[in-house]
Amino acid sequence: MGDTVFSKIIRKEISAEIVYEDDEVLAFKDIAPQAPIHVLIIPKKEIPTVNDINEEDAPLIGKLFLVAKKLAKEFNIAESGYRLVMNCNKDAGQAVYHLHLHLLGGRKFSWPPG
């Protein structure tokens, strides 16, 4: 496994406020939240960007969204609404090259995003 901050969180070398974990997925609160609820949902498999997803990863990528749905319900934002964001590469704002899904909620969002 690589040496990104997310890989270190998966290996428990860096602490994080984990809100969900199973054999394939880990979710934790963002340290620089952009909304009252800001959770990062990551696969434990190292996939650097959306461009690196393979056909075999389809069930895992689907699971990220199922975990997001579960957490939205647990954080009581499923009915009011939430945003899911996955950035790909530098121009889109990806800072950590380990695929991650942002779950944002707890406030009203505008469109288009910045």
PDB file of N, CA and C in Angstrom:
ATOM      1  N   MET A   1       0.851  -1.184   0.000  1.00  0.00           N
ATOM      2  CA  MET A   1       0.000   0.000   0.000  1.00  0.00           C
ATOM      3  C   MET A   1       0.883   1.229   0.000  1.00  0.00           C
ATOM      4  N   GLY A   2       0.409   2.262  -0.635  1.00  0.00           N
ATOM      5  CA  GLY A   2       1.155   3.504  -0.786  1.00  0.00           C
ATOM      6  C   GLY A   2       1.392   4.247   0.514  1.00  0.00           C
ATOM      7  N   ASP A   3       1.845   5.457   0.365  1.00  0.00           N
ATOM      8  CA  ASP A   3       2.226   6.244   1.526  1.00  0.00           C
ATOM      9  C   ASP A   3       1.423   7.537   1.630  1.00  0.00           C
ATOM     10  N   THR A   4       0.184   7.551   1.129  1.00  0.00           N
ATOM     11  CA  THR A   4      -0.646   8.743   1.266  1.00  0.00           C
ATOM     12  C   THR A   4      -1.146   8.836   2.703  1.00  0.00           C
ATOM     13  N   VAL A   5      -1.649   9.993   3.057  1.00  0.00           N
ATOM     14  CA  VAL A   5      -2.220  10.176   4.390  1.00  0.00           C
ATOM     15  C   VAL A   5      -3.388   9.198   4.606  1.00  0.00           C
ATOM     16  N   PHE A   6      -4.150   8.927   3.554  1.00  0.00           N
ATOM     17  CA  PHE A   6      -5.270   7.989   3.697  1.00  0.00           C
ATOM     18  C   PHE A   6      -4.778   6.565   3.919  1.00  0.00           C
ATOM     19  N   SER A   7      -3.700   6.171   3.252  1.00  0.00           N
ATOM     20  CA  SER A   7      -3.120   4.843   3.482  1.00  0.00           C
ATOM     21  C   SER A   7      -2.662   4.717   4.933  1.00  0.00           C
ATOM     22  N   LYS A   8      -2.100   5.797   5.455  1.00  0.00           N
ATOM     23  CA  LYS A   8      -1.649   5.784   6.853  1.00  0.00           C
ATOM     24  C   LYS A   8      -2.836   5.710   7.808  1.00  0.00           C
ATOM     25  N   ILE A   9      -3.951   6.338   7.457  1.00  0.00           N
ATOM     26  CA  ILE A   9      -5.161   6.236   8.291  1.00  0.00           C
ATOM     27  C   ILE A   9      -5.690   4.806   8.247  1.00  0.00           C
ATOM     28  N   ILE A  10      -5.707   4.191   7.072  1.00  0.00           N
ATOM     29  CA  ILE A  10      -6.157   2.799   6.948  1.00  0.00           C
ATOM     30  C   ILE A  10      -5.305   1.890   7.829  1.00  0.00           C
ATOM     31  N   ARG A  11      -3.996   2.110   7.830  1.00  0.00           N
ATOM     32  CA  ARG A  11      -3.079   1.282   8.630  1.00  0.00           C
ATOM     33  C   ARG A  11      -3.049   1.691  10.107  1.00  0.00           C
ATOM     34  N   LYS A  12      -3.826   2.722  10.457  1.00  0.00           N
ATOM     35  CA  LYS A  12      -3.906   3.237  11.833  1.00  0.00           C
ATOM     36  C   LYS A  12      -2.592   3.852  12.304  1.00  0.00           C
ATOM     37  N   GLU A  13      -1.792   4.340  11.355  1.00  0.00           N
ATOM     38  CA  GLU A  13      -0.560   5.053  11.692  1.00  0.00           C
ATOM     39  C   GLU A  13      -0.848   6.511  12.011  1.00  0.00           C
ATOM     40  N   ILE A  14      -1.955   7.016  11.492  1.00  0.00           N
ATOM     41  CA  ILE A  14      -2.433   8.368  11.774  1.00  0.00           C
ATOM     42  C   ILE A  14      -3.854   8.225  12.304  1.00  0.00           C
ATOM     43  N   SER A  15      -4.164   8.954  13.357  1.00  0.00           N
ATOM     44  CA  SER A  15      -5.512   8.849  13.920  1.00  0.00           C
ATOM     45  C   SER A  15      -6.497   9.663  13.088  1.00  0.00           C
ATOM     46  N   ALA A  16      -7.729   9.215  13.121  1.00  0.00           N
ATOM     47  CA  ALA A  16      -8.827   9.899  12.441  1.00  0.00           C
ATOM     48  C   ALA A  16     -10.095   9.576  13.213  1.00  0.00           C
ATOM     49  N   GLU A  17     -11.078  10.454  13.076  1.00  0.00           N
ATOM     50  CA  GLU A  17     -12.371  10.212  13.723  1.00  0.00           C
ATOM     51  C   GLU A  17     -13.198   9.329  12.787  1.00  0.00           C
ATOM     52  N   ILE A  18     -13.030   8.031  12.944  1.00  0.00           N
ATOM     53  CA  ILE A  18     -13.666   7.045  12.068  1.00  0.00           C
ATOM     54  C   ILE A  18     -15.140   6.914  12.426  1.00  0.00           C
ATOM     55  N   VAL A  19     -15.987   6.983  11.397  1.00  0.00           N
ATOM     56  CA  VAL A  19     -17.432   6.860  11.602  1.00  0.00           C
ATOM     57  C   VAL A  19     -17.990   5.586  10.980  1.00  0.00           C
ATOM     58  N   TYR A  20     -17.166   4.899  10.161  1.00  0.00           N
ATOM     59  CA  TYR A  20     -17.590   3.640   9.554  1.00  0.00           C
ATOM     60  C   TYR A  20     -16.346   2.886   9.108  1.00  0.00           C
ATOM     61  N   GLU A  21     -16.382   1.565   9.296  1.00  0.00           N
ATOM     62  CA  GLU A  21     -15.294   0.732   8.784  1.00  0.00           C
ATOM     63  C   GLU A  21     -15.782  -0.684   8.593  1.00  0.00           C
ATOM     64  N   ASP A  22     -15.379  -1.275   7.459  1.00  0.00           N
ATOM     65  CA  ASP A  22     -15.565  -2.697   7.232  1.00  0.00           C
ATOM     66  C   ASP A  22     -14.312  -3.190   6.502  1.00  0.00           C
ATOM     67  N   ASP A  23     -14.351  -4.356   5.908  1.00  0.00           N
ATOM     68  CA  ASP A  23     -13.162  -4.916   5.264  1.00  0.00           C
ATOM     69  C   ASP A  23     -12.717  -4.150   4.030  1.00  0.00           C
ATOM     70  N   GLU A  24     -13.634  -3.408   3.391  1.00  0.00           N
ATOM     71  CA  GLU A  24     -13.326  -2.754   2.128  1.00  0.00           C
ATOM     72  C   GLU A  24     -13.345  -1.230   2.153  1.00  0.00           C
ATOM     73  N   VAL A  25     -14.051  -0.667   3.123  1.00  0.00           N
ATOM     74  CA  VAL A  25     -14.316   0.779   3.132  1.00  0.00           C
ATOM     75  C   VAL A  25     -14.043   1.363   4.511  1.00  0.00           C
ATOM     76  N   LEU A  26     -13.541   2.590   4.509  1.00  0.00           N
ATOM     77  CA  LEU A  26     -13.309   3.345   5.738  1.00  0.00           C
ATOM     78  C   LEU A  26     -13.890   4.743   5.536  1.00  0.00           C
ATOM     79  N   ALA A  27     -14.564   5.263   6.543  1.00  0.00           N
ATOM     80  CA  ALA A  27     -15.118   6.622   6.476  1.00  0.00           C
ATOM     81  C   ALA A  27     -14.736   7.357   7.752  1.00  0.00           C
ATOM     82  N   PHE A  28     -14.330   8.614   7.578  1.00  0.00           N
ATOM     83  CA  PHE A  28     -13.889   9.406   8.723  1.00  0.00           C
ATOM     84  C   PHE A  28     -14.194  10.876   8.472  1.00  0.00           C
ATOM     85  N   LYS A  29     -14.261  11.643   9.556  1.00  0.00           N
ATOM     86  CA  LYS A  29     -14.557  13.063   9.451  1.00  0.00           C
ATOM     87  C   LYS A  29     -13.365  13.812   8.866  1.00  0.00           C
ATOM     88  N   ASP A  30     -13.655  14.743   7.960  1.00  0.00           N
ATOM     89  CA  ASP A  30     -12.630  15.565   7.336  1.00  0.00           C
ATOM     90  C   ASP A  30     -12.045  16.515   8.381  1.00  0.00           C
ATOM     91  N   ILE A  31     -10.738  16.706   8.343  1.00  0.00           N
ATOM     92  CA  ILE A  31     -10.097  17.594   9.333  1.00  0.00           C
ATOM     93  C   ILE A  31     -10.260  19.061   8.979  1.00  0.00           C
ATOM     94  N   ALA A  32     -10.693  19.349   7.762  1.00  0.00           N
ATOM     95  CA  ALA A  32     -10.952  20.734   7.337  1.00  0.00           C
ATOM     96  C   ALA A  32     -12.354  20.778   6.726  1.00  0.00           C
ATOM     97  N   PRO A  33     -13.379  20.612   7.565  1.00  0.00           N
ATOM     98  CA  PRO A  33     -14.743  20.471   7.037  1.00  0.00           C
ATOM     99  C   PRO A  33     -15.235  21.694   6.273  1.00  0.00           C
ATOM    100  N   GLN A  34     -15.932  21.422   5.172  1.00  0.00           N
ATOM    101  CA  GLN A  34     -16.530  22.463   4.337  1.00  0.00           C
ATOM    102  C   GLN A  34     -18.031  22.579   4.577  1.00  0.00           C
ATOM    103  N   ALA A  35     -18.532  21.809   5.511  1.00  0.00           N
ATOM    104  CA  ALA A  35     -19.947  21.818   5.892  1.00  0.00           C
ATOM    105  C   ALA A  35     -20.022  21.263   7.312  1.00  0.00           C
ATOM    106  N   PRO A  36     -21.141  21.484   8.002  1.00  0.00           N
ATOM    107  CA  PRO A  36     -21.266  20.930   9.360  1.00  0.00           C
ATOM    108  C   PRO A  36     -21.013  19.422   9.414  1.00  0.00           C
ATOM    109  N   ILE A  37     -21.414  18.721   8.373  1.00  0.00           N
ATOM    110  CA  ILE A  37     -21.103  17.296   8.248  1.00  0.00           C
ATOM    111  C   ILE A  37     -20.237  17.154   7.004  1.00  0.00           C
ATOM    112  N   HIS A  38     -19.030  16.661   7.199  1.00  0.00           N
ATOM    113  CA  HIS A  38     -18.102  16.445   6.087  1.00  0.00           C
ATOM    114  C   HIS A  38     -17.312  15.181   6.391  1.00  0.00           C
ATOM    115  N   VAL A  39     -17.690  14.118   5.704  1.00  0.00           N
ATOM    116  CA  VAL A  39     -17.086  12.804   5.907  1.00  0.00           C
ATOM    117  C   VAL A  39     -16.410  12.373   4.614  1.00  0.00           C
ATOM    118  N   LEU A  40     -15.246  11.775   4.732  1.00  0.00           N
ATOM    119  CA  LEU A  40     -14.542  11.199   3.590  1.00  0.00           C
ATOM    120  C   LEU A  40     -14.740   9.696   3.622  1.00  0.00           C
ATOM    121  N   ILE A  41     -15.160   9.145   2.508  1.00  0.00           N
ATOM    122  CA  ILE A  41     -15.416   7.713   2.382  1.00  0.00           C
ATOM    123  C   ILE A  41     -14.408   7.179   1.375  1.00  0.00           C
ATOM    124  N   ILE A  42     -13.577   6.244   1.818  1.00  0.00           N
ATOM    125  CA  ILE A  42     -12.492   5.768   0.968  1.00  0.00           C
ATOM    126  C   ILE A  42     -12.503   4.245   0.859  1.00  0.00           C
ATOM    127  N   PRO A  43     -12.056   3.737  -0.290  1.00  0.00           N
ATOM    128  CA  PRO A  43     -11.843   2.295  -0.377  1.00  0.00           C
ATOM    129  C   PRO A  43     -10.528   1.959   0.314  1.00  0.00           C
ATOM    130  N   LYS A  44     -10.452   0.807   0.929  1.00  0.00           N
ATOM    131  CA  LYS A  44      -9.175   0.389   1.506  1.00  0.00           C
ATOM    132  C   LYS A  44      -8.202  -0.030   0.408  1.00  0.00           C
ATOM    133  N   LYS A  45      -8.754  -0.416  -0.743  1.00  0.00           N
ATOM    134  CA  LYS A  45      -7.906  -0.686  -1.910  1.00  0.00           C
ATOM    135  C   LYS A  45      -7.380   0.648  -2.421  1.00  0.00           C
ATOM    136  N   GLU A  46      -6.102   0.680  -2.720  1.00  0.00           N
ATOM    137  CA  GLU A  46      -5.502   1.924  -3.210  1.00  0.00           C
ATOM    138  C   GLU A  46      -5.841   2.124  -4.689  1.00  0.00           C
ATOM    139  N   ILE A  47      -6.629   3.161  -4.944  1.00  0.00           N
ATOM    140  CA  ILE A  47      -6.976   3.588  -6.298  1.00  0.00           C
ATOM    141  C   ILE A  47      -6.690   5.089  -6.317  1.00  0.00           C
ATOM    142  N   PRO A  48      -5.685   5.540  -7.058  1.00  0.00           N
ATOM    143  CA  PRO A  48      -5.296   6.956  -6.989  1.00  0.00           C
ATOM    144  C   PRO A  48      -6.375   7.947  -7.425  1.00  0.00           C
ATOM    145  N   THR A  49      -7.006   7.729  -8.575  1.00  0.00           N
ATOM    146  CA  THR A  49      -7.995   8.670  -9.093  1.00  0.00           C
ATOM    147  C   THR A  49      -9.143   7.912  -9.751  1.00  0.00           C
ATOM    148  N   VAL A  50     -10.177   8.634 -10.115  1.00  0.00           N
ATOM    149  CA  VAL A  50     -11.289   8.038 -10.868  1.00  0.00           C
ATOM    150  C   VAL A  50     -10.759   7.426 -12.161  1.00  0.00           C
ATOM    151  N   ASN A  51      -9.760   8.033 -12.755  1.00  0.00           N
ATOM    152  CA  ASN A  51      -9.186   7.515 -14.001  1.00  0.00           C
ATOM    153  C   ASN A  51      -8.551   6.137 -13.833  1.00  0.00           C
ATOM    154  N   ASP A  52      -8.287   5.731 -12.600  1.00  0.00           N
ATOM    155  CA  ASP A  52      -7.634   4.455 -12.324  1.00  0.00           C
ATOM    156  C   ASP A  52      -8.615   3.349 -11.932  1.00  0.00           C
ATOM    157  N   ILE A  53      -9.895   3.647 -11.944  1.00  0.00           N
ATOM    158  CA  ILE A  53     -10.902   2.628 -11.625  1.00  0.00           C
ATOM    159  C   ILE A  53     -10.969   1.624 -12.774  1.00  0.00           C
ATOM    160  N   ASN A  54     -11.017   0.343 -12.421  1.00  0.00           N
ATOM    161  CA  ASN A  54     -11.152  -0.735 -13.403  1.00  0.00           C
ATOM    162  C   ASN A  54     -12.536  -1.358 -13.297  1.00  0.00           C
ATOM    163  N   GLU A  55     -12.902  -2.145 -14.299  1.00  0.00           N
ATOM    164  CA  GLU A  55     -14.192  -2.858 -14.286  1.00  0.00           C
ATOM    165  C   GLU A  55     -14.362  -3.658 -13.000  1.00  0.00           C
ATOM    166  N   GLU A  56     -13.302  -4.296 -12.546  1.00  0.00           N
ATOM    167  CA  GLU A  56     -13.379  -5.122 -11.338  1.00  0.00           C
ATOM    168  C   GLU A  56     -13.671  -4.298 -10.080  1.00  0.00           C
ATOM    169  N   ASP A  57     -13.456  -2.988 -10.146  1.00  0.00           N
ATOM    170  CA  ASP A  57     -13.696  -2.108  -9.007  1.00  0.00           C
ATOM    171  C   ASP A  57     -15.149  -1.665  -8.890  1.00  0.00           C
ATOM    172  N   ALA A  58     -15.983  -1.985  -9.886  1.00  0.00           N
ATOM    173  CA  ALA A  58     -17.367  -1.498  -9.897  1.00  0.00           C
ATOM    174  C   ALA A  58     -18.126  -1.814  -8.607  1.00  0.00           C
ATOM    175  N   PRO A  59     -18.074  -3.036  -8.080  1.00  0.00           N
ATOM    176  CA  PRO A  59     -18.796  -3.292  -6.820  1.00  0.00           C
ATOM    177  C   PRO A  59     -18.268  -2.452  -5.652  1.00  0.00           C
ATOM    178  N   LEU A  60     -16.965  -2.244  -5.600  1.00  0.00           N
ATOM    179  CA  LEU A  60     -16.366  -1.443  -4.528  1.00  0.00           C
ATOM    180  C   LEU A  60     -16.793   0.017  -4.640  1.00  0.00           C
ATOM    181  N   ILE A  61     -16.802   0.554  -5.841  1.00  0.00           N
ATOM    182  CA  ILE A  61     -17.212   1.950  -6.037  1.00  0.00           C
ATOM    183  C   ILE A  61     -18.687   2.101  -5.667  1.00  0.00           C
ATOM    184  N   GLY A  62     -19.498   1.137  -6.056  1.00  0.00           N
ATOM    185  CA  GLY A  62     -20.903   1.149  -5.651  1.00  0.00           C
ATOM    186  C   GLY A  62     -21.054   1.123  -4.147  1.00  0.00           C
ATOM    187  N   LYS A  63     -20.204   0.375  -3.484  1.00  0.00           N
ATOM    188  CA  LYS A  63     -20.268   0.286  -2.020  1.00  0.00           C
ATOM    189  C   LYS A  63     -19.965   1.625  -1.361  1.00  0.00           C
ATOM    190  N   LEU A  64     -19.067   2.428  -1.955  1.00  0.00           N
ATOM    191  CA  LEU A  64     -18.790   3.760  -1.400  1.00  0.00           C
ATOM    192  C   LEU A  64     -20.081   4.565  -1.316  1.00  0.00           C
ATOM    193  N   PHE A  65     -20.909   4.478  -2.365  1.00  0.00           N
ATOM    194  CA  PHE A  65     -22.162   5.225  -2.394  1.00  0.00           C
ATOM    195  C   PHE A  65     -23.186   4.647  -1.419  1.00  0.00           C
ATOM    196  N   LEU A  66     -23.185   3.334  -1.235  1.00  0.00           N
ATOM    197  CA  LEU A  66     -24.084   2.728  -0.243  1.00  0.00           C
ATOM    198  C   LEU A  66     -23.691   3.141   1.171  1.00  0.00           C
ATOM    199  N   VAL A  67     -22.404   3.241   1.434  1.00  0.00           N
ATOM    200  CA  VAL A  67     -21.938   3.719   2.744  1.00  0.00           C
ATOM    201  C   VAL A  67     -22.339   5.181   2.918  1.00  0.00           C
ATOM    202  N   ALA A  68     -22.224   5.983   1.864  1.00  0.00           N
ATOM    203  CA  ALA A  68     -22.641   7.390   1.941  1.00  0.00           C
ATOM    204  C   ALA A  68     -24.120   7.486   2.295  1.00  0.00           C
ATOM    205  N   LYS A  69     -24.944   6.675   1.661  1.00  0.00           N
ATOM    206  CA  LYS A  69     -26.385   6.655   1.945  1.00  0.00           C
ATOM    207  C   LYS A  69     -26.636   6.295   3.409  1.00  0.00           C
ATOM    208  N   LYS A  70     -25.944   5.275   3.897  1.00  0.00           N
ATOM    209  CA  LYS A  70     -26.094   4.835   5.291  1.00  0.00           C
ATOM    210  C   LYS A  70     -25.688   5.949   6.258  1.00  0.00           C
ATOM    211  N   LEU A  71     -24.558   6.598   5.987  1.00  0.00           N
ATOM    212  CA  LEU A  71     -24.082   7.661   6.870  1.00  0.00           C
ATOM    213  C   LEU A  71     -24.988   8.887   6.812  1.00  0.00           C
ATOM    214  N   ALA A  72     -25.511   9.207   5.637  1.00  0.00           N
ATOM    215  CA  ALA A  72     -26.441  10.338   5.531  1.00  0.00           C
ATOM    216  C   ALA A  72     -27.653  10.109   6.427  1.00  0.00           C
ATOM    217  N   LYS A  73     -28.123   8.888   6.463  1.00  0.00           N
ATOM    218  CA  LYS A  73     -29.259   8.560   7.341  1.00  0.00           C
ATOM    219  C   LYS A  73     -28.843   8.685   8.811  1.00  0.00           C
ATOM    220  N   GLU A  74     -27.676   8.145   9.155  1.00  0.00           N
ATOM    221  CA  GLU A  74     -27.200   8.197  10.540  1.00  0.00           C
ATOM    222  C   GLU A  74     -26.948   9.629  11.013  1.00  0.00           C
ATOM    223  N   PHE A  75     -26.502  10.499  10.120  1.00  0.00           N
ATOM    224  CA  PHE A  75     -26.249  11.901  10.466  1.00  0.00           C
ATOM    225  C   PHE A  75     -27.488  12.786  10.287  1.00  0.00           C
ATOM    226  N   ASN A  76     -28.622  12.151  10.000  1.00  0.00           N
ATOM    227  CA  ASN A  76     -29.911  12.849   9.866  1.00  0.00           C
ATOM    228  C   ASN A  76     -29.920  13.919   8.783  1.00  0.00           C
ATOM    229  N   ILE A  77     -29.269  13.632   7.659  1.00  0.00           N
ATOM    230  CA  ILE A  77     -29.290  14.570   6.537  1.00  0.00           C
ATOM    231  C   ILE A  77     -29.898  13.938   5.283  1.00  0.00           C
ATOM    232  N   ALA A  78     -30.335  12.702   5.392  1.00  0.00           N
ATOM    233  CA  ALA A  78     -30.868  12.004   4.215  1.00  0.00           C
ATOM    234  C   ALA A  78     -32.096  12.709   3.648  1.00  0.00           C
ATOM    235  N   GLU A  79     -32.961  13.195   4.504  1.00  0.00           N
ATOM    236  CA  GLU A  79     -34.195  13.831   4.038  1.00  0.00           C
ATOM    237  C   GLU A  79     -33.990  15.288   3.636  1.00  0.00           C
ATOM    238  N   SER A  80     -33.168  16.013   4.384  1.00  0.00           N
ATOM    239  CA  SER A  80     -32.963  17.430   4.057  1.00  0.00           C
ATOM    240  C   SER A  80     -32.067  17.605   2.838  1.00  0.00           C
ATOM    241  N   GLY A  81     -31.149  16.677   2.637  1.00  0.00           N
ATOM    242  CA  GLY A  81     -30.286  16.704   1.469  1.00  0.00           C
ATOM    243  C   GLY A  81     -28.820  16.755   1.809  1.00  0.00           C
ATOM    244  N   TYR A  82     -28.036  16.235   0.893  1.00  0.00           N
ATOM    245  CA  TYR A  82     -26.587  16.201   1.060  1.00  0.00           C
ATOM    246  C   TYR A  82     -25.942  16.180  -0.310  1.00  0.00           C
ATOM    247  N   ARG A  83     -24.658  16.435  -0.320  1.00  0.00           N
ATOM    248  CA  ARG A  83     -23.910  16.444  -1.572  1.00  0.00           C
ATOM    249  C   ARG A  83     -22.819  15.391  -1.498  1.00  0.00           C
ATOM    250  N   LEU A  84     -22.619  14.691  -2.610  1.00  0.00           N
ATOM    251  CA  LEU A  84     -21.520  13.741  -2.754  1.00  0.00           C
ATOM    252  C   LEU A  84     -20.592  14.287  -3.831  1.00  0.00           C
ATOM    253  N   VAL A  85     -19.297  14.350  -3.515  1.00  0.00           N
ATOM    254  CA  VAL A  85     -18.320  14.908  -4.441  1.00  0.00           C
ATOM    255  C   VAL A  85     -17.122  13.970  -4.520  1.00  0.00           C
ATOM    256  N   MET A  86     -16.661  13.741  -5.751  1.00  0.00           N
ATOM    257  CA  MET A  86     -15.439  12.984  -5.970  1.00  0.00           C
ATOM    258  C   MET A  86     -14.615  13.766  -6.991  1.00  0.00           C
ATOM    259  N   ASN A  87     -13.521  14.356  -6.549  1.00  0.00           N
ATOM    260  CA  ASN A  87     -12.658  15.141  -7.418  1.00  0.00           C
ATOM    261  C   ASN A  87     -11.650  14.227  -8.120  1.00  0.00           C
ATOM    262  N   CYS A  88     -11.265  14.608  -9.321  1.00  0.00           N
ATOM    263  CA  CYS A  88     -10.292  13.821 -10.072  1.00  0.00           C
ATOM    264  C   CYS A  88      -9.188  14.734 -10.591  1.00  0.00           C
ATOM    265  N   ASN A  89      -8.029  14.585 -10.013  1.00  0.00           N
ATOM    266  CA  ASN A  89      -6.798  15.287 -10.393  1.00  0.00           C
ATOM    267  C   ASN A  89      -6.777  16.750  -9.938  1.00  0.00           C
ATOM    268  N   LYS A  90      -5.647  17.361 -10.163  1.00  0.00           N
ATOM    269  CA  LYS A  90      -5.308  18.673  -9.604  1.00  0.00           C
ATOM    270  C   LYS A  90      -6.308  19.780  -9.936  1.00  0.00           C
ATOM    271  N   ASP A  91      -6.676  19.929 -11.196  1.00  0.00           N
ATOM    272  CA  ASP A  91      -7.565  21.032 -11.577  1.00  0.00           C
ATOM    273  C   ASP A  91      -8.947  20.927 -10.937  1.00  0.00           C
ATOM    274  N   ALA A  92      -9.338  19.726 -10.547  1.00  0.00           N
ATOM    275  CA  ALA A  92     -10.632  19.528  -9.884  1.00  0.00           C
ATOM    276  C   ALA A  92     -10.519  19.657  -8.370  1.00  0.00           C
ATOM    277  N   GLY A  93      -9.300  19.798  -7.858  1.00  0.00           N
ATOM    278  CA  GLY A  93      -9.112  19.988  -6.424  1.00  0.00           C
ATOM    279  C   GLY A  93      -8.713  18.741  -5.662  1.00  0.00           C
ATOM    280  N   GLN A  94      -8.352  17.673  -6.363  1.00  0.00           N
ATOM    281  CA  GLN A  94      -7.923  16.469  -5.646  1.00  0.00           C
ATOM    282  C   GLN A  94      -6.558  16.733  -5.028  1.00  0.00           C
ATOM    283  N   ALA A  95      -6.473  16.592  -3.709  1.00  0.00           N
ATOM    284  CA  ALA A  95      -5.223  16.853  -3.000  1.00  0.00           C
ATOM    285  C   ALA A  95      -4.543  15.572  -2.541  1.00  0.00           C
ATOM    286  N   VAL A  96      -5.334  14.534  -2.275  1.00  0.00           N
ATOM    287  CA  VAL A  96      -4.790  13.241  -1.858  1.00  0.00           C
ATOM    288  C   VAL A  96      -5.098  12.246  -2.968  1.00  0.00           C
ATOM    289  N   TYR A  97      -4.058  11.610  -3.483  1.00  0.00           N
ATOM    290  CA  TYR A  97      -4.239  10.691  -4.604  1.00  0.00           C
ATOM    291  C   TYR A  97      -4.520   9.274  -4.114  1.00  0.00           C
ATOM    292  N   HIS A  98      -5.649   9.187  -3.438  1.00  0.00           N
ATOM    293  CA  HIS A  98      -6.289   7.942  -3.004  1.00  0.00           C
ATOM    294  C   HIS A  98      -7.773   8.272  -3.139  1.00  0.00           C
ATOM    295  N   LEU A  99      -8.452   7.588  -4.033  1.00  0.00           N
ATOM    296  CA  LEU A  99      -9.850   7.863  -4.328  1.00  0.00           C
ATOM    297  C   LEU A  99     -10.647   8.109  -3.050  1.00  0.00           C
ATOM    298  N   HIS A 100     -11.462   9.155  -3.040  1.00  0.00           N
ATOM    299  CA  HIS A 100     -12.298   9.424  -1.875  1.00  0.00           C
ATOM    300  C   HIS A 100     -13.559  10.160  -2.289  1.00  0.00           C
ATOM    301  N   LEU A 101     -14.617   9.833  -1.583  1.00  0.00           N
ATOM    302  CA  LEU A 101     -15.931  10.422  -1.810  1.00  0.00           C
ATOM    303  C   LEU A 101     -16.233  11.326  -0.626  1.00  0.00           C
ATOM    304  N   HIS A 102     -16.526  12.596  -0.909  1.00  0.00           N
ATOM    305  CA  HIS A 102     -16.899  13.539   0.142  1.00  0.00           C
ATOM    306  C   HIS A 102     -18.412  13.460   0.352  1.00  0.00           C
ATOM    307  N   LEU A 103     -18.827  13.294   1.589  1.00  0.00           N
ATOM    308  CA  LEU A 103     -20.232  13.398   1.987  1.00  0.00           C
ATOM    309  C   LEU A 103     -20.354  14.708   2.750  1.00  0.00           C
ATOM    310  N   LEU A 104     -21.129  15.643   2.182  1.00  0.00           N
ATOM    311  CA  LEU A 104     -21.283  16.962   2.791  1.00  0.00           C
ATOM    312  C   LEU A 104     -22.750  17.222   3.072  1.00  0.00           C
ATOM    313  N   GLY A 105     -23.044  17.765   4.237  1.00  0.00           N
ATOM    314  CA  GLY A 105     -24.426  18.081   4.572  1.00  0.00           C
ATOM    315  C   GLY A 105     -24.524  18.947   5.805  1.00  0.00           C
ATOM    316  N   GLY A 106     -25.757  19.222   6.188  1.00  0.00           N
ATOM    317  CA  GLY A 106     -25.994  20.027   7.367  1.00  0.00           C
ATOM    318  C   GLY A 106     -26.149  21.506   7.079  1.00  0.00           C
ATOM    319  N   ARG A 107     -26.110  21.882   5.802  1.00  0.00           N
ATOM    320  CA  ARG A 107     -26.350  23.262   5.395  1.00  0.00           C
ATOM    321  C   ARG A 107     -26.867  23.237   3.962  1.00  0.00           C
ATOM    322  N   LYS A 108     -27.400  24.360   3.532  1.00  0.00           N
ATOM    323  CA  LYS A 108     -27.882  24.491   2.157  1.00  0.00           C
ATOM    324  C   LYS A 108     -26.702  24.763   1.233  1.00  0.00           C
ATOM    325  N   PHE A 109     -26.682  24.123   0.086  1.00  0.00           N
ATOM    326  CA  PHE A 109     -25.624  24.306  -0.908  1.00  0.00           C
ATOM    327  C   PHE A 109     -26.169  25.077  -2.097  1.00  0.00           C
ATOM    328  N   SER A 110     -25.284  25.789  -2.752  1.00  0.00           N
ATOM    329  CA  SER A 110     -25.695  26.509  -3.960  1.00  0.00           C
ATOM    330  C   SER A 110     -25.171  25.753  -5.190  1.00  0.00           C
ATOM    331  N   TRP A 111     -25.663  26.175  -6.346  1.00  0.00           N
ATOM    332  CA  TRP A 111     -25.231  25.576  -7.603  1.00  0.00           C
ATOM    333  C   TRP A 111     -25.042  26.684  -8.616  1.00  0.00           C
ATOM    334  N   PRO A 112     -24.027  26.709  -9.397  1.00  0.00           N
ATOM    335  CA  PRO A 112     -22.975  25.695  -9.446  1.00  0.00           C
ATOM    336  C   PRO A 112     -21.957  25.881  -8.330  1.00  0.00           C
ATOM    337  N   PRO A 113     -21.254  24.808  -7.996  1.00  0.00           N
ATOM    338  CA  PRO A 113     -20.208  24.925  -6.965  1.00  0.00           C
ATOM    339  C   PRO A 113     -19.042  25.735  -7.515  1.00  0.00           C
ATOM    340  N   GLY A 114     -18.182  26.203  -6.621  1.00  0.00           N
ATOM    341  CA  GLY A 114     -17.069  27.082  -6.986  1.00  0.00           C
ATOM    342  C   GLY A 114     -16.070  26.531  -7.837  1.00  0.00           C
TER     343      GLY A 114
END
